């Protein structure tokens, strides 16, 4: 199966390397120093628990030179979508699909606007990786899961194309799960991620610095319930045990855990506040769903959307 990775950083680069290592044909779409490093030295994956390896595969910054592929993994940061979505049409052939694993809930619609609903699959991923330097991805822990399915016209079943992609991912040592409705894992993650990124970002602290405060815990779960109410208004059913699993996870999470939004904030980079808290606030306004906690987090973080404000 031919893959193109649009967003070859910490997430896309990692999964693309796993796929290429297992024998799939993978081309990385990258730019700048990262592209140069991949071309000259290969893509290095460093994992103390799963083992290190270096992967040599084609890389380019021009999607037209790559041409049509079977599957595009779309994993860029959401704030780069204006430019990244333009890379998708040249990669489309008669049977091509785009599997978006971006954070937030807007991605499937934005990708569909670029390539058409019939080409879009949606899902989410749980993996702890970081782009340590150009061409070097470091994995902490062992999580490497992708959960995905149909998000538009064929919801309600695991389609043959979804199963075919999963059958390719599994031998690549990716913990893959197929679902009948790809919106469910997207919103399941959003219930957690919008509050987690919002609270850690607003407080400028890893989760351990705030989770021991009873008021913060109460407000965190309140924010998660706001997102769950929004999912219901959107016609999406989240997992019945979502809040039980959320409580178990939050009580066991490493105190030093930082959201990617907080990491970017500390580095003075752009942050995904518009794709996370902003998207929730805008959708809530359309449905008349009250969202006081998420709205407050959004208002605190919004000035930093483009990086450190001048």
C-alpha atoms as a PDB file:
ATOM      1  CA  UNK A   1       0.000   0.000   0.000  1.00  0.00           C
ATOM      2  CA  UNK A   2       1.316   3.458  -0.897  1.00  0.00           C
ATOM      3  CA  UNK A   3       1.255   6.067   1.854  1.00  0.00           C
ATOM      4  CA  UNK A   4       2.075   9.756   1.945  1.00  0.00           C
ATOM      5  CA  UNK A   5       2.608  11.401   5.316  1.00  0.00           C
ATOM      6  CA  UNK A   6       1.463  15.025   5.361  1.00  0.00           C
ATOM      7  CA  UNK A   7       2.829  16.227   8.666  1.00  0.00           C
ATOM      8  CA  UNK A   8       5.997  14.169   9.082  1.00  0.00           C
ATOM      9  CA  UNK A   9       6.786  15.397  12.582  1.00  0.00           C
ATOM     10  CA  UNK A  10       6.395  13.644  15.912  1.00  0.00           C
ATOM     11  CA  UNK A  11       3.163  11.785  15.121  1.00  0.00           C
ATOM     12  CA  UNK A  12       3.118  11.350  11.358  1.00  0.00           C
ATOM     13  CA  UNK A  13       6.838  10.712  11.147  1.00  0.00           C
ATOM     14  CA  UNK A  14       6.604   8.017  13.800  1.00  0.00           C
ATOM     15  CA  UNK A  15       3.710   6.111  12.238  1.00  0.00           C
ATOM     16  CA  UNK A  16       5.112   6.575   8.735  1.00  0.00           C
ATOM     17  CA  UNK A  17       8.422   5.103   9.866  1.00  0.00           C
ATOM     18  CA  UNK A  18       6.650   2.107  11.395  1.00  0.00           C
ATOM     19  CA  UNK A  19       4.726   1.510   8.170  1.00  0.00           C
ATOM     20  CA  UNK A  20       7.808   1.843   5.970  1.00  0.00           C
ATOM     21  CA  UNK A  21       9.802  -0.446   8.231  1.00  0.00           C
ATOM     22  CA  UNK A  22       7.130  -3.133   7.795  1.00  0.00           C
ATOM     23  CA  UNK A  23       7.465  -2.994   4.011  1.00  0.00           C
ATOM     24  CA  UNK A  24       4.881  -0.418   2.940  1.00  0.00           C
ATOM     25  CA  UNK A  25       5.756   2.267   0.392  1.00  0.00           C
ATOM     26  CA  UNK A  26       5.891   5.558   2.303  1.00  0.00           C
ATOM     27  CA  UNK A  27       6.809   9.074   1.193  1.00  0.00           C
ATOM     28  CA  UNK A  28       7.254  11.785   3.801  1.00  0.00           C
ATOM     29  CA  UNK A  29       6.091  15.307   3.001  1.00  0.00           C
ATOM     30  CA  UNK A  30       8.359  17.604   4.998  1.00  0.00           C
ATOM     31  CA  UNK A  31      10.189  20.896   4.716  1.00  0.00           C
ATOM     32  CA  UNK A  32      13.236  22.810   5.867  1.00  0.00           C
ATOM     33  CA  UNK A  33      15.849  21.253   8.115  1.00  0.00           C
ATOM     34  CA  UNK A  34      13.624  18.257   8.860  1.00  0.00           C
ATOM     35  CA  UNK A  35      13.392  17.412   5.162  1.00  0.00           C
ATOM     36  CA  UNK A  36      17.141  17.786   4.740  1.00  0.00           C
ATOM     37  CA  UNK A  37      17.838  15.520   7.722  1.00  0.00           C
ATOM     38  CA  UNK A  38      15.488  12.790   6.464  1.00  0.00           C
ATOM     39  CA  UNK A  39      17.130  12.860   3.044  1.00  0.00           C
ATOM     40  CA  UNK A  40      20.698  12.909   4.323  1.00  0.00           C
ATOM     41  CA  UNK A  41      20.585  10.762   7.463  1.00  0.00           C
ATOM     42  CA  UNK A  42      17.213   9.047   7.426  1.00  0.00           C
ATOM     43  CA  UNK A  43      14.413   9.355   9.954  1.00  0.00           C
ATOM     44  CA  UNK A  44      15.631   8.238  13.369  1.00  0.00           C
ATOM     45  CA  UNK A  45      13.165   6.768  15.876  1.00  0.00           C
ATOM     46  CA  UNK A  46      14.466   6.588  19.440  1.00  0.00           C
ATOM     47  CA  UNK A  47      12.469   4.520  21.928  1.00  0.00           C
ATOM     48  CA  UNK A  48      14.000   3.190  25.134  1.00  0.00           C
ATOM     49  CA  UNK A  49      11.146   0.702  25.548  1.00  0.00           C
ATOM     50  CA  UNK A  50      10.475  -0.445  21.980  1.00  0.00           C
ATOM     51  CA  UNK A  51      13.921  -0.060  20.447  1.00  0.00           C
ATOM     52  CA  UNK A  52      15.669   2.431  18.180  1.00  0.00           C
ATOM     53  CA  UNK A  53      15.799   2.293  14.403  1.00  0.00           C
ATOM     54  CA  UNK A  54      16.641   4.500  11.448  1.00  0.00           C
ATOM     55  CA  UNK A  55      14.403   4.556   8.410  1.00  0.00           C
ATOM     56  CA  UNK A  56      15.487   5.622   4.932  1.00  0.00           C
ATOM     57  CA  UNK A  57      12.545   6.548   2.707  1.00  0.00           C
ATOM     58  CA  UNK A  58      11.661   9.135   0.065  1.00  0.00           C
ATOM     59  CA  UNK A  59      10.895  12.653   1.317  1.00  0.00           C
ATOM     60  CA  UNK A  60       9.771  15.732  -0.567  1.00  0.00           C
ATOM     61  CA  UNK A  61       8.258  19.165  -0.006  1.00  0.00           C
ATOM     62  CA  UNK A  62       6.234  19.110  -3.236  1.00  0.00           C
ATOM     63  CA  UNK A  63       3.150  16.879  -3.320  1.00  0.00           C
ATOM     64  CA  UNK A  64       2.905  17.158  -7.102  1.00  0.00           C
ATOM     65  CA  UNK A  65       6.231  15.335  -7.431  1.00  0.00           C
ATOM     66  CA  UNK A  66       4.917  12.551  -5.194  1.00  0.00           C
ATOM     67  CA  UNK A  67       1.682  12.056  -7.110  1.00  0.00           C
ATOM     68  CA  UNK A  68      -1.309   9.851  -6.225  1.00  0.00           C
ATOM     69  CA  UNK A  69      -1.064   7.403  -3.330  1.00  0.00           C
ATOM     70  CA  UNK A  70      -3.495   4.980  -1.703  1.00  0.00           C
ATOM     71  CA  UNK A  71      -3.591   6.585   1.758  1.00  0.00           C
ATOM     72  CA  UNK A  72      -2.584   9.990   3.065  1.00  0.00           C
ATOM     73  CA  UNK A  73      -1.982  10.241   6.804  1.00  0.00           C
ATOM     74  CA  UNK A  74      -2.825  13.846   7.673  1.00  0.00           C
ATOM     75  CA  UNK A  75      -1.113  14.744  10.942  1.00  0.00           C
ATOM     76  CA  UNK A  76      -0.042  18.386  10.713  1.00  0.00           C
ATOM     77  CA  UNK A  77      -0.755  20.801  13.551  1.00  0.00           C
ATOM     78  CA  UNK A  78      -4.205  22.246  12.935  1.00  0.00           C
ATOM     79  CA  UNK A  79      -2.900  25.813  12.718  1.00  0.00           C
ATOM     80  CA  UNK A  80      -0.997  24.803   9.558  1.00  0.00           C
ATOM     81  CA  UNK A  81      -4.116  23.644   7.718  1.00  0.00           C
ATOM     82  CA  UNK A  82      -4.357  26.677   5.439  1.00  0.00           C
ATOM     83  CA  UNK A  83      -1.207  25.571   3.660  1.00  0.00           C
ATOM     84  CA  UNK A  84      -1.270  21.840   4.383  1.00  0.00           C
ATOM     85  CA  UNK A  85      -4.704  21.203   2.885  1.00  0.00           C
ATOM     86  CA  UNK A  86      -3.380  22.441  -0.470  1.00  0.00           C
ATOM     87  CA  UNK A  87      -1.000  19.478  -0.508  1.00  0.00           C
ATOM     88  CA  UNK A  88      -3.811  16.916  -0.593  1.00  0.00           C
ATOM     89  CA  UNK A  89      -5.346  17.170  -4.122  1.00  0.00           C
ATOM     90  CA  UNK A  90      -2.121  16.208  -5.978  1.00  0.00           C
ATOM     91  CA  UNK A  91      -1.934  13.058  -3.835  1.00  0.00           C
ATOM     92  CA  UNK A  92      -5.409  11.882  -4.840  1.00  0.00           C
ATOM     93  CA  UNK A  93      -5.990   9.108  -7.349  1.00  0.00           C
ATOM     94  CA  UNK A  94      -9.245   7.272  -8.202  1.00  0.00           C
ATOM     95  CA  UNK A  95      -9.295   5.256  -4.952  1.00  0.00           C
ATOM     96  CA  UNK A  96      -7.231   7.464  -2.652  1.00  0.00           C
ATOM     97  CA  UNK A  97      -8.324   8.291   0.881  1.00  0.00           C
ATOM     98  CA  UNK A  98      -7.133  10.724   3.539  1.00  0.00           C
ATOM     99  CA  UNK A  99      -7.037   9.507   7.140  1.00  0.00           C
ATOM    100  CA  UNK A 100      -6.876  12.547   9.372  1.00  0.00           C
ATOM    101  CA  UNK A 101      -5.601  12.091  12.911  1.00  0.00           C
ATOM    102  CA  UNK A 102      -5.511  15.765  13.842  1.00  0.00           C
ATOM    103  CA  UNK A 103      -6.537  17.085  17.241  1.00  0.00           C
ATOM    104  CA  UNK A 104      -9.955  18.677  17.573  1.00  0.00           C
ATOM    105  CA  UNK A 105     -13.253  18.073  15.822  1.00  0.00           C
ATOM    106  CA  UNK A 106     -13.042  20.333  12.757  1.00  0.00           C
ATOM    107  CA  UNK A 107     -10.475  18.367  10.772  1.00  0.00           C
ATOM    108  CA  UNK A 108     -12.711  15.903   8.930  1.00  0.00           C
ATOM    109  CA  UNK A 109     -14.853  18.728   7.558  1.00  0.00           C
ATOM    110  CA  UNK A 110     -11.839  20.808   6.569  1.00  0.00           C
ATOM    111  CA  UNK A 111     -10.205  17.867   4.787  1.00  0.00           C
ATOM    112  CA  UNK A 112     -13.504  17.042   3.066  1.00  0.00           C
ATOM    113  CA  UNK A 113     -13.675  20.596   1.741  1.00  0.00           C
ATOM    114  CA  UNK A 114     -10.303  19.989   0.080  1.00  0.00           C
ATOM    115  CA  UNK A 115     -10.807  16.496  -1.376  1.00  0.00           C
ATOM    116  CA  UNK A 116     -14.491  15.576  -0.977  1.00  0.00           C
ATOM    117  CA  UNK A 117     -16.344  13.697   1.757  1.00  0.00           C
ATOM    118  CA  UNK A 118     -16.087  10.323   0.007  1.00  0.00           C
ATOM    119  CA  UNK A 119     -12.287  10.357   0.380  1.00  0.00           C
ATOM    120  CA  UNK A 120     -12.143  11.134   4.109  1.00  0.00           C
ATOM    121  CA  UNK A 121     -11.638   8.796   7.057  1.00  0.00           C
ATOM    122  CA  UNK A 122     -11.322  10.110  10.580  1.00  0.00           C
ATOM    123  CA  UNK A 123      -9.904   8.996  13.871  1.00  0.00           C
ATOM    124  CA  UNK A 124      -7.440   9.737  16.572  1.00  0.00           C
ATOM    125  CA  UNK A 125      -4.177   8.533  17.974  1.00  0.00           C
ATOM    126  CA  UNK A 126      -2.594   8.046  21.369  1.00  0.00           C
ATOM    127  CA  UNK A 127       1.189   8.208  21.198  1.00  0.00           C
ATOM    128  CA  UNK A 128       3.839  10.043  23.215  1.00  0.00           C
ATOM    129  CA  UNK A 129       6.427  11.257  20.733  1.00  0.00           C
ATOM    130  CA  UNK A 130       8.389  14.447  20.218  1.00  0.00           C
ATOM    131  CA  UNK A 131      10.478  15.844  17.389  1.00  0.00           C
ATOM    132  CA  UNK A 132      13.670  16.311  19.363  1.00  0.00           C
ATOM    133  CA  UNK A 133      15.675  17.713  16.444  1.00  0.00           C
ATOM    134  CA  UNK A 134      15.449  17.597  12.642  1.00  0.00           C
ATOM    135  CA  UNK A 135      15.138  13.958  11.621  1.00  0.00           C
ATOM    136  CA  UNK A 136      14.985  12.635  15.197  1.00  0.00           C
ATOM    137  CA  UNK A 137      11.730  11.489  16.854  1.00  0.00           C
ATOM    138  CA  UNK A 138      11.809  10.354  20.481  1.00  0.00           C
ATOM    139  CA  UNK A 139       9.101   8.114  21.891  1.00  0.00           C
ATOM    140  CA  UNK A 140       8.390   7.993  25.620  1.00  0.00           C
ATOM    141  CA  UNK A 141       6.272   5.083  26.792  1.00  0.00           C
ATOM    142  CA  UNK A 142       4.751   2.395  24.604  1.00  0.00           C
ATOM    143  CA  UNK A 143       1.435   3.870  23.444  1.00  0.00           C
ATOM    144  CA  UNK A 144       1.133   3.681  19.636  1.00  0.00           C
ATOM    145  CA  UNK A 145      -2.567   3.359  18.887  1.00  0.00           C
ATOM    146  CA  UNK A 146      -4.760   4.571  16.041  1.00  0.00           C
ATOM    147  CA  UNK A 147      -8.557   4.359  16.230  1.00  0.00           C
ATOM    148  CA  UNK A 148     -10.458   5.245  13.070  1.00  0.00           C
ATOM    149  CA  UNK A 149     -13.417   4.681  10.788  1.00  0.00           C
ATOM    150  CA  UNK A 150     -15.850   6.266   8.368  1.00  0.00           C
ATOM    151  CA  UNK A 151     -17.068   9.756   9.271  1.00  0.00           C
ATOM    152  CA  UNK A 152     -19.506  10.647   6.502  1.00  0.00           C
ATOM    153  CA  UNK A 153     -21.847   8.627   4.293  1.00  0.00           C
ATOM    154  CA  UNK A 154     -20.955   5.052   5.260  1.00  0.00           C
ATOM    155  CA  UNK A 155     -21.089   5.369   9.030  1.00  0.00           C
ATOM    156  CA  UNK A 156     -22.529   2.369  10.823  1.00  0.00           C
ATOM    157  CA  UNK A 157     -20.139  -0.318   9.629  1.00  0.00           C
ATOM    158  CA  UNK A 158     -16.450  -1.041   9.249  1.00  0.00           C
ATOM    159  CA  UNK A 159     -16.070  -0.669   5.505  1.00  0.00           C
ATOM    160  CA  UNK A 160     -13.678  -2.783   3.405  1.00  0.00           C
ATOM    161  CA  UNK A 161     -11.334   0.165   2.866  1.00  0.00           C
ATOM    162  CA  UNK A 162     -11.118   0.829   6.595  1.00  0.00           C
ATOM    163  CA  UNK A 163     -10.376  -2.832   7.270  1.00  0.00           C
ATOM    164  CA  UNK A 164      -7.786  -2.954   4.476  1.00  0.00           C
ATOM    165  CA  UNK A 165      -5.837  -0.063   6.012  1.00  0.00           C
ATOM    166  CA  UNK A 166      -6.074  -1.622   9.481  1.00  0.00           C
ATOM    167  CA  UNK A 167      -4.770  -4.923   8.089  1.00  0.00           C
ATOM    168  CA  UNK A 168      -1.686  -3.072   6.850  1.00  0.00           C
ATOM    169  CA  UNK A 169      -1.146  -1.133  10.072  1.00  0.00           C
ATOM    170  CA  UNK A 170      -1.319  -4.073  12.460  1.00  0.00           C
ATOM    171  CA  UNK A 171       1.828  -5.861  11.134  1.00  0.00           C
ATOM    172  CA  UNK A 172       3.646  -2.530  11.442  1.00  0.00           C
ATOM    173  CA  UNK A 173       3.380  -2.787  15.248  1.00  0.00           C
ATOM    174  CA  UNK A 174       0.632  -0.170  15.400  1.00  0.00           C
ATOM    175  CA  UNK A 175      -2.182  -0.894  17.839  1.00  0.00           C
ATOM    176  CA  UNK A 176      -5.046  -0.253  15.456  1.00  0.00           C
ATOM    177  CA  UNK A 177      -8.769  -0.318  16.223  1.00  0.00           C
ATOM    178  CA  UNK A 178     -11.513   0.053  13.637  1.00  0.00           C
ATOM    179  CA  UNK A 179     -14.888   1.533  14.541  1.00  0.00           C
ATOM    180  CA  UNK A 180     -18.206   1.839  12.756  1.00  0.00           C
ATOM    181  CA  UNK A 181     -18.410   5.581  13.427  1.00  0.00           C
ATOM    182  CA  UNK A 182     -15.105   7.445  13.295  1.00  0.00           C
ATOM    183  CA  UNK A 183     -16.646  10.442  15.036  1.00  0.00           C
ATOM    184  CA  UNK A 184     -16.863   8.576  18.350  1.00  0.00           C
ATOM    185  CA  UNK A 185     -13.099   8.275  19.035  1.00  0.00           C
ATOM    186  CA  UNK A 186     -12.607  11.867  17.844  1.00  0.00           C
ATOM    187  CA  UNK A 187     -15.132  13.212  20.348  1.00  0.00           C
ATOM    188  CA  UNK A 188     -14.062  10.763  23.072  1.00  0.00           C
ATOM    189  CA  UNK A 189     -10.598  12.294  22.885  1.00  0.00           C
ATOM    190  CA  UNK A 190     -11.984  15.827  22.650  1.00  0.00           C
ATOM    191  CA  UNK A 191     -13.853  15.342  25.952  1.00  0.00           C
ATOM    192  CA  UNK A 192     -10.440  14.879  27.567  1.00  0.00           C
ATOM    193  CA  UNK A 193      -8.150  16.986  25.399  1.00  0.00           C
ATOM    194  CA  UNK A 194     -10.030  20.293  25.387  1.00  0.00           C
ATOM    195  CA  UNK A 195      -9.980  20.521  29.218  1.00  0.00           C
ATOM    196  CA  UNK A 196      -6.510  18.978  29.602  1.00  0.00           C
ATOM    197  CA  UNK A 197      -4.804  21.302  27.145  1.00  0.00           C
ATOM    198  CA  UNK A 198      -6.845  24.241  28.412  1.00  0.00           C
ATOM    199  CA  UNK A 199      -6.086  23.853  32.107  1.00  0.00           C
ATOM    200  CA  UNK A 200      -2.406  22.971  31.732  1.00  0.00           C
ATOM    201  CA  UNK A 201      -1.941  25.786  29.220  1.00  0.00           C
ATOM    202  CA  UNK A 202      -3.794  28.406  31.236  1.00  0.00           C
ATOM    203  CA  UNK A 203      -1.961  27.454  34.433  1.00  0.00           C
ATOM    204  CA  UNK A 204       1.419  27.041  32.667  1.00  0.00           C
ATOM    205  CA  UNK A 205       1.861  23.857  34.693  1.00  0.00           C
ATOM    206  CA  UNK A 206       2.027  20.104  34.073  1.00  0.00           C
ATOM    207  CA  UNK A 207      -1.007  18.231  35.310  1.00  0.00           C
ATOM    208  CA  UNK A 208       0.581  17.333  38.657  1.00  0.00           C
ATOM    209  CA  UNK A 209       0.848  21.004  39.540  1.00  0.00           C
ATOM    210  CA  UNK A 210      -2.910  21.509  39.426  1.00  0.00           C
ATOM    211  CA  UNK A 211      -4.631  18.121  39.825  1.00  0.00           C
ATOM    212  CA  UNK A 212      -4.280  18.011  43.609  1.00  0.00           C
ATOM    213  CA  UNK A 213      -6.482  21.105  43.924  1.00  0.00           C
ATOM    214  CA  UNK A 214     -10.117  19.998  44.492  1.00  0.00           C
ATOM    215  CA  UNK A 215     -11.521  23.081  42.759  1.00  0.00           C
ATOM    216  CA  UNK A 216      -9.424  22.460  39.655  1.00  0.00           C
ATOM    217  CA  UNK A 217     -10.583  18.846  39.549  1.00  0.00           C
ATOM    218  CA  UNK A 218     -14.210  19.943  39.823  1.00  0.00           C
ATOM    219  CA  UNK A 219     -13.813  22.517  37.057  1.00  0.00           C
ATOM    220  CA  UNK A 220     -11.905  20.039  34.857  1.00  0.00           C
ATOM    221  CA  UNK A 221     -14.727  17.505  34.982  1.00  0.00           C
ATOM    222  CA  UNK A 222     -17.195  20.353  34.491  1.00  0.00           C
ATOM    223  CA  UNK A 223     -15.373  21.318  31.289  1.00  0.00           C
ATOM    224  CA  UNK A 224     -15.384  17.696  30.112  1.00  0.00           C
ATOM    225  CA  UNK A 225     -19.143  17.560  30.658  1.00  0.00           C
ATOM    226  CA  UNK A 226     -19.529  20.714  28.575  1.00  0.00           C
ATOM    227  CA  UNK A 227     -17.793  18.961  25.684  1.00  0.00           C
ATOM    228  CA  UNK A 228     -19.949  15.853  26.163  1.00  0.00           C
ATOM    229  CA  UNK A 229     -23.085  18.005  25.995  1.00  0.00           C
ATOM    230  CA  UNK A 230     -21.777  19.548  22.787  1.00  0.00           C
ATOM    231  CA  UNK A 231     -21.171  16.085  21.307  1.00  0.00           C
ATOM    232  CA  UNK A 232     -24.804  15.192  22.031  1.00  0.00           C
ATOM    233  CA  UNK A 233     -25.947  18.404  20.339  1.00  0.00           C
ATOM    234  CA  UNK A 234     -23.834  17.448  17.327  1.00  0.00           C
ATOM    235  CA  UNK A 235     -25.534  14.046  17.182  1.00  0.00           C
ATOM    236  CA  UNK A 236     -22.427  12.133  18.226  1.00  0.00           C
ATOM    237  CA  UNK A 237     -22.618   9.428  20.888  1.00  0.00           C
ATOM    238  CA  UNK A 238     -19.508   9.219  23.033  1.00  0.00           C
ATOM    239  CA  UNK A 239     -18.526   5.979  24.741  1.00  0.00           C
ATOM    240  CA  UNK A 240     -20.914   5.086  27.592  1.00  0.00           C
ATOM    241  CA  UNK A 241     -18.028   4.608  30.033  1.00  0.00           C
ATOM    242  CA  UNK A 242     -16.127   7.703  28.913  1.00  0.00           C
ATOM    243  CA  UNK A 243     -16.176   9.474  32.282  1.00  0.00           C
ATOM    244  CA  UNK A 244     -15.258   6.345  34.236  1.00  0.00           C
ATOM    245  CA  UNK A 245     -12.216   5.868  32.003  1.00  0.00           C
ATOM    246  CA  UNK A 246     -11.405   9.564  32.197  1.00  0.00           C
ATOM    247  CA  UNK A 247     -11.363   9.489  36.003  1.00  0.00           C
ATOM    248  CA  UNK A 248      -9.139   6.401  36.040  1.00  0.00           C
ATOM    249  CA  UNK A 249      -6.729   7.981  33.601  1.00  0.00           C
ATOM    250  CA  UNK A 250      -6.530  11.347  35.341  1.00  0.00           C
ATOM    251  CA  UNK A 251      -5.911   9.718  38.720  1.00  0.00           C
ATOM    252  CA  UNK A 252      -3.049   7.624  37.324  1.00  0.00           C
ATOM    253  CA  UNK A 253      -1.400  10.080  34.948  1.00  0.00           C
ATOM    254  CA  UNK A 254       2.246  10.990  35.564  1.00  0.00           C
ATOM    255  CA  UNK A 255       2.373  14.345  37.417  1.00  0.00           C
ATOM    256  CA  UNK A 256       4.967  15.649  34.965  1.00  0.00           C
ATOM    257  CA  UNK A 257       2.672  15.172  31.956  1.00  0.00           C
ATOM    258  CA  UNK A 258       2.275  18.296  29.831  1.00  0.00           C
ATOM    259  CA  UNK A 259      -0.156  18.814  26.991  1.00  0.00           C
ATOM    260  CA  UNK A 260       1.335  19.486  23.572  1.00  0.00           C
ATOM    261  CA  UNK A 261      -0.354  22.883  23.764  1.00  0.00           C
ATOM    262  CA  UNK A 262       1.603  23.682  26.933  1.00  0.00           C
ATOM    263  CA  UNK A 263       4.848  22.456  25.362  1.00  0.00           C
ATOM    264  CA  UNK A 264       4.313  24.711  22.349  1.00  0.00           C
ATOM    265  CA  UNK A 265       3.318  27.595  24.609  1.00  0.00           C
ATOM    266  CA  UNK A 266       6.498  27.273  26.653  1.00  0.00           C
ATOM    267  CA  UNK A 267       8.565  27.265  23.466  1.00  0.00           C
ATOM    268  CA  UNK A 268       6.895  30.412  22.157  1.00  0.00           C
ATOM    269  CA  UNK A 269       5.308  28.523  19.254  1.00  0.00           C
ATOM    270  CA  UNK A 270       1.813  28.787  17.856  1.00  0.00           C
ATOM    271  CA  UNK A 271      -0.756  26.781  19.788  1.00  0.00           C
ATOM    272  CA  UNK A 272      -3.828  24.795  18.739  1.00  0.00           C
ATOM    273  CA  UNK A 273      -6.238  26.853  20.819  1.00  0.00           C
ATOM    274  CA  UNK A 274      -8.503  27.583  17.837  1.00  0.00           C
ATOM    275  CA  UNK A 275      -8.772  23.893  16.922  1.00  0.00           C
ATOM    276  CA  UNK A 276      -9.478  22.909  20.528  1.00  0.00           C
ATOM    277  CA  UNK A 277     -11.156  25.441  22.810  1.00  0.00           C
ATOM    278  CA  UNK A 278     -12.049  27.786  19.946  1.00  0.00           C
ATOM    279  CA  UNK A 279     -13.791  25.073  17.941  1.00  0.00           C
ATOM    280  CA  UNK A 280     -15.802  24.051  21.000  1.00  0.00           C
ATOM    281  CA  UNK A 281     -16.907  27.616  21.704  1.00  0.00           C
ATOM    282  CA  UNK A 282     -17.954  28.248  18.105  1.00  0.00           C
ATOM    283  CA  UNK A 283     -19.903  25.011  17.824  1.00  0.00           C
ATOM    284  CA  UNK A 284     -21.546  25.567  21.200  1.00  0.00           C
ATOM    285  CA  UNK A 285     -22.747  28.999  20.077  1.00  0.00           C
ATOM    286  CA  UNK A 286     -24.474  27.441  17.045  1.00  0.00           C
ATOM    287  CA  UNK A 287     -26.309  24.899  19.204  1.00  0.00           C
ATOM    288  CA  UNK A 288     -27.008  27.139  22.203  1.00  0.00           C
ATOM    289  CA  UNK A 289     -24.991  24.859  24.490  1.00  0.00           C
ATOM    290  CA  UNK A 290     -23.640  26.648  27.598  1.00  0.00           C
ATOM    291  CA  UNK A 291     -19.838  26.449  27.779  1.00  0.00           C
ATOM    292  CA  UNK A 292     -18.636  28.803  30.545  1.00  0.00           C
ATOM    293  CA  UNK A 293     -15.499  26.899  31.609  1.00  0.00           C
ATOM    294  CA  UNK A 294     -14.179  26.145  28.120  1.00  0.00           C
ATOM    295  CA  UNK A 295     -15.003  29.707  27.053  1.00  0.00           C
ATOM    296  CA  UNK A 296     -12.951  31.080  29.937  1.00  0.00           C
ATOM    297  CA  UNK A 297      -9.996  28.863  29.031  1.00  0.00           C
ATOM    298  CA  UNK A 298     -10.337  29.978  25.417  1.00  0.00           C
ATOM    299  CA  UNK A 299     -10.298  33.652  26.336  1.00  0.00           C
ATOM    300  CA  UNK A 300      -7.145  33.178  28.454  1.00  0.00           C
ATOM    301  CA  UNK A 301      -5.255  31.240  25.760  1.00  0.00           C
ATOM    302  CA  UNK A 302      -6.468  33.003  22.626  1.00  0.00           C
ATOM    303  CA  UNK A 303      -3.933  35.880  22.775  1.00  0.00           C
ATOM    304  CA  UNK A 304      -1.168  33.257  22.485  1.00  0.00           C
ATOM    305  CA  UNK A 305      -2.613  31.539  19.392  1.00  0.00           C
ATOM    306  CA  UNK A 306       0.091  32.869  17.090  1.00  0.00           C
ATOM    307  CA  UNK A 307       2.940  32.417  19.556  1.00  0.00           C
ATOM    308  CA  UNK A 308       4.184  34.786  22.227  1.00  0.00           C
ATOM    309  CA  UNK A 309       2.227  38.042  21.774  1.00  0.00           C
ATOM    310  CA  UNK A 310       4.234  41.193  21.205  1.00  0.00           C
END
